[in-house]
Amino acid sequence: MVKPMKYRELAKLLAEAGFEPRQGKGDHEVWRNGTVQVSITQTREISPGLTRKALNAIERSKQ
């Protein structure tokens, strides 16, 4: 099971993987690397579900 992550840590992992952020609706950010994109919230702690989606997107972008 994936544990929650702090926003700064997850944003750093996404940036290191080559993702670029853009503002979404409300407190959401859309991170994109080519055709792979993931949406996360700009809160102090990211939920386990969103963390899992972001980590899976990083893995997909490496392939």
N, C-alpha and C. Protein backbone atom coordinates (compact mmCIF):
# COMPACT_ATOMS: atom_id res chain seq x y z
N MET A 1 0.84 -1.19 0.00
CA MET A 1 0.00 0.00 0.00
C MET A 1 0.88 1.24 0.00
N VAL A 2 0.47 2.22 -0.78
CA VAL A 2 1.22 3.47 -0.90
C VAL A 2 0.84 4.39 0.25
N LYS A 3 1.84 5.04 0.83
CA LYS A 3 1.59 5.98 1.92
C LYS A 3 1.43 7.39 1.36
N PRO A 4 0.74 8.27 2.08
CA PRO A 4 0.62 9.66 1.63
C PRO A 4 2.01 10.31 1.54
N MET A 5 2.14 11.28 0.64
CA MET A 5 3.41 12.01 0.48
C MET A 5 3.15 13.49 0.63
N LYS A 6 4.18 14.19 1.02
CA LYS A 6 4.09 15.65 1.07
C LYS A 6 4.12 16.18 -0.37
N TYR A 7 3.41 17.28 -0.60
CA TYR A 7 3.31 17.86 -1.94
C TYR A 7 4.70 18.16 -2.52
N ARG A 8 5.55 18.76 -1.71
CA ARG A 8 6.89 19.15 -2.21
C ARG A 8 7.70 17.95 -2.67
N GLU A 9 7.62 16.83 -1.94
CA GLU A 9 8.36 15.63 -2.31
C GLU A 9 7.85 15.05 -3.63
N LEU A 10 6.53 14.98 -3.77
CA LEU A 10 5.95 14.44 -5.00
C LEU A 10 6.23 15.35 -6.19
N ALA A 11 6.12 16.66 -6.00
CA ALA A 11 6.42 17.60 -7.08
C ALA A 11 7.87 17.49 -7.51
N LYS A 12 8.76 17.27 -6.56
CA LYS A 12 10.19 17.11 -6.88
C LYS A 12 10.42 15.85 -7.71
N LEU A 13 9.76 14.74 -7.34
CA LEU A 13 9.89 13.49 -8.10
C LEU A 13 9.36 13.66 -9.53
N LEU A 14 8.23 14.34 -9.66
CA LEU A 14 7.66 14.56 -10.99
C LEU A 14 8.58 15.44 -11.84
N ALA A 15 9.13 16.49 -11.26
CA ALA A 15 10.03 17.38 -12.00
C ALA A 15 11.29 16.65 -12.43
N GLU A 16 11.84 15.82 -11.55
CA GLU A 16 13.04 15.05 -11.88
C GLU A 16 12.78 14.05 -13.00
N ALA A 17 11.53 13.57 -13.12
CA ALA A 17 11.16 12.62 -14.16
C ALA A 17 10.85 13.32 -15.48
N GLY A 18 10.92 14.66 -15.50
CA GLY A 18 10.71 15.40 -16.74
C GLY A 18 9.31 15.94 -16.92
N PHE A 19 8.47 15.87 -15.91
CA PHE A 19 7.12 16.39 -16.00
C PHE A 19 7.14 17.90 -15.82
N GLU A 20 6.21 18.58 -16.50
CA GLU A 20 6.08 20.04 -16.38
C GLU A 20 4.68 20.36 -15.87
N PRO A 21 4.58 21.26 -14.88
CA PRO A 21 3.26 21.57 -14.30
C PRO A 21 2.54 22.69 -15.04
N ARG A 22 1.23 22.64 -14.96
CA ARG A 22 0.38 23.76 -15.37
C ARG A 22 -0.78 23.80 -14.41
N GLN A 23 -1.37 24.96 -14.24
CA GLN A 23 -2.48 25.13 -13.30
C GLN A 23 -3.73 24.47 -13.85
N GLY A 24 -4.42 23.73 -13.02
CA GLY A 24 -5.70 23.14 -13.38
C GLY A 24 -6.81 23.95 -12.74
N LYS A 25 -7.94 23.30 -12.50
CA LYS A 25 -9.06 23.99 -11.86
C LYS A 25 -8.90 23.97 -10.35
N GLY A 26 -9.18 25.08 -9.73
CA GLY A 26 -9.11 25.16 -8.27
C GLY A 26 -7.71 24.93 -7.74
N ASP A 27 -7.57 23.97 -6.82
CA ASP A 27 -6.27 23.71 -6.22
C ASP A 27 -5.56 22.53 -6.88
N HIS A 28 -5.92 22.22 -8.13
CA HIS A 28 -5.30 21.11 -8.85
C HIS A 28 -4.20 21.60 -9.79
N GLU A 29 -3.21 20.76 -9.97
CA GLU A 29 -2.15 20.99 -10.95
C GLU A 29 -2.12 19.79 -11.88
N VAL A 30 -1.87 20.04 -13.15
CA VAL A 30 -1.74 18.97 -14.13
C VAL A 30 -0.27 18.90 -14.52
N TRP A 31 0.34 17.75 -14.29
CA TRP A 31 1.74 17.54 -14.64
C TRP A 31 1.77 16.68 -15.89
N ARG A 32 2.60 17.06 -16.88
CA ARG A 32 2.61 16.37 -18.16
C ARG A 32 4.03 16.12 -18.63
N ASN A 33 4.22 14.92 -19.18
CA ASN A 33 5.50 14.54 -19.79
C ASN A 33 5.14 13.79 -21.06
N GLY A 34 5.18 14.51 -22.19
CA GLY A 34 4.77 13.89 -23.45
C GLY A 34 3.28 13.62 -23.42
N THR A 35 2.90 12.35 -23.60
CA THR A 35 1.48 11.99 -23.59
C THR A 35 1.00 11.55 -22.22
N VAL A 36 1.91 11.40 -21.27
CA VAL A 36 1.55 10.96 -19.92
C VAL A 36 1.26 12.18 -19.06
N GLN A 37 0.08 12.20 -18.44
CA GLN A 37 -0.24 13.31 -17.55
C GLN A 37 -0.94 12.81 -16.31
N VAL A 38 -0.78 13.57 -15.23
CA VAL A 38 -1.40 13.23 -13.95
C VAL A 38 -1.81 14.53 -13.27
N SER A 39 -2.94 14.49 -12.59
CA SER A 39 -3.45 15.66 -11.88
C SER A 39 -3.31 15.42 -10.38
N ILE A 40 -2.72 16.38 -9.67
CA ILE A 40 -2.59 16.28 -8.22
C ILE A 40 -3.10 17.57 -7.58
N THR A 41 -3.44 17.50 -6.32
CA THR A 41 -3.91 18.68 -5.60
C THR A 41 -2.74 19.40 -4.96
N GLN A 42 -2.87 20.70 -4.79
CA GLN A 42 -1.83 21.50 -4.15
C GLN A 42 -2.16 21.62 -2.67
N THR A 43 -2.08 20.52 -1.96
CA THR A 43 -2.30 20.51 -0.53
C THR A 43 -1.02 20.08 0.15
N ARG A 44 -0.96 20.23 1.44
CA ARG A 44 0.24 19.90 2.19
C ARG A 44 0.60 18.42 2.04
N GLU A 45 -0.41 17.55 2.10
CA GLU A 45 -0.18 16.11 1.99
C GLU A 45 -1.08 15.53 0.91
N ILE A 46 -0.49 14.76 0.01
CA ILE A 46 -1.22 14.15 -1.09
C ILE A 46 -1.74 12.79 -0.64
N SER A 47 -2.99 12.49 -0.93
CA SER A 47 -3.62 11.24 -0.49
C SER A 47 -2.92 10.03 -1.12
N PRO A 48 -3.05 8.85 -0.51
CA PRO A 48 -2.41 7.65 -1.05
C PRO A 48 -2.85 7.33 -2.47
N GLY A 49 -4.12 7.55 -2.80
CA GLY A 49 -4.61 7.26 -4.14
C GLY A 49 -3.96 8.13 -5.20
N LEU A 50 -3.87 9.44 -4.94
CA LEU A 50 -3.22 10.35 -5.90
C LEU A 50 -1.72 10.10 -5.97
N THR A 51 -1.12 9.74 -4.83
CA THR A 51 0.31 9.42 -4.82
C THR A 51 0.57 8.22 -5.71
N ARG A 52 -0.27 7.18 -5.60
CA ARG A 52 -0.13 5.98 -6.42
C ARG A 52 -0.25 6.31 -7.90
N LYS A 53 -1.24 7.15 -8.26
CA LYS A 53 -1.42 7.54 -9.66
C LYS A 53 -0.21 8.28 -10.19
N ALA A 54 0.35 9.18 -9.38
CA ALA A 54 1.52 9.96 -9.81
C ALA A 54 2.74 9.06 -9.99
N LEU A 55 2.96 8.15 -9.05
CA LEU A 55 4.11 7.24 -9.16
C LEU A 55 3.96 6.31 -10.37
N ASN A 56 2.73 5.87 -10.66
CA ASN A 56 2.49 5.05 -11.85
C ASN A 56 2.75 5.85 -13.12
N ALA A 57 2.39 7.13 -13.12
CA ALA A 57 2.64 7.99 -14.28
C ALA A 57 4.13 8.16 -14.50
N ILE A 58 4.90 8.28 -13.44
CA ILE A 58 6.36 8.38 -13.56
C ILE A 58 6.91 7.10 -14.19
N GLU A 59 6.43 5.95 -13.76
CA GLU A 59 6.87 4.68 -14.33
C GLU A 59 6.51 4.57 -15.81
N ARG A 60 5.28 4.99 -16.16
CA ARG A 60 4.86 4.92 -17.57
C ARG A 60 5.70 5.85 -18.44
N SER A 61 6.12 6.97 -17.91
CA SER A 61 6.90 7.92 -18.72
C SER A 61 8.31 7.42 -18.98
N LYS A 62 8.79 6.51 -18.15
CA LYS A 62 10.14 5.96 -18.33
C LYS A 62 10.18 4.91 -19.44
N GLN A 63 9.04 4.36 -19.80
CA GLN A 63 9.01 3.29 -20.80
C GLN A 63 9.04 3.83 -22.20
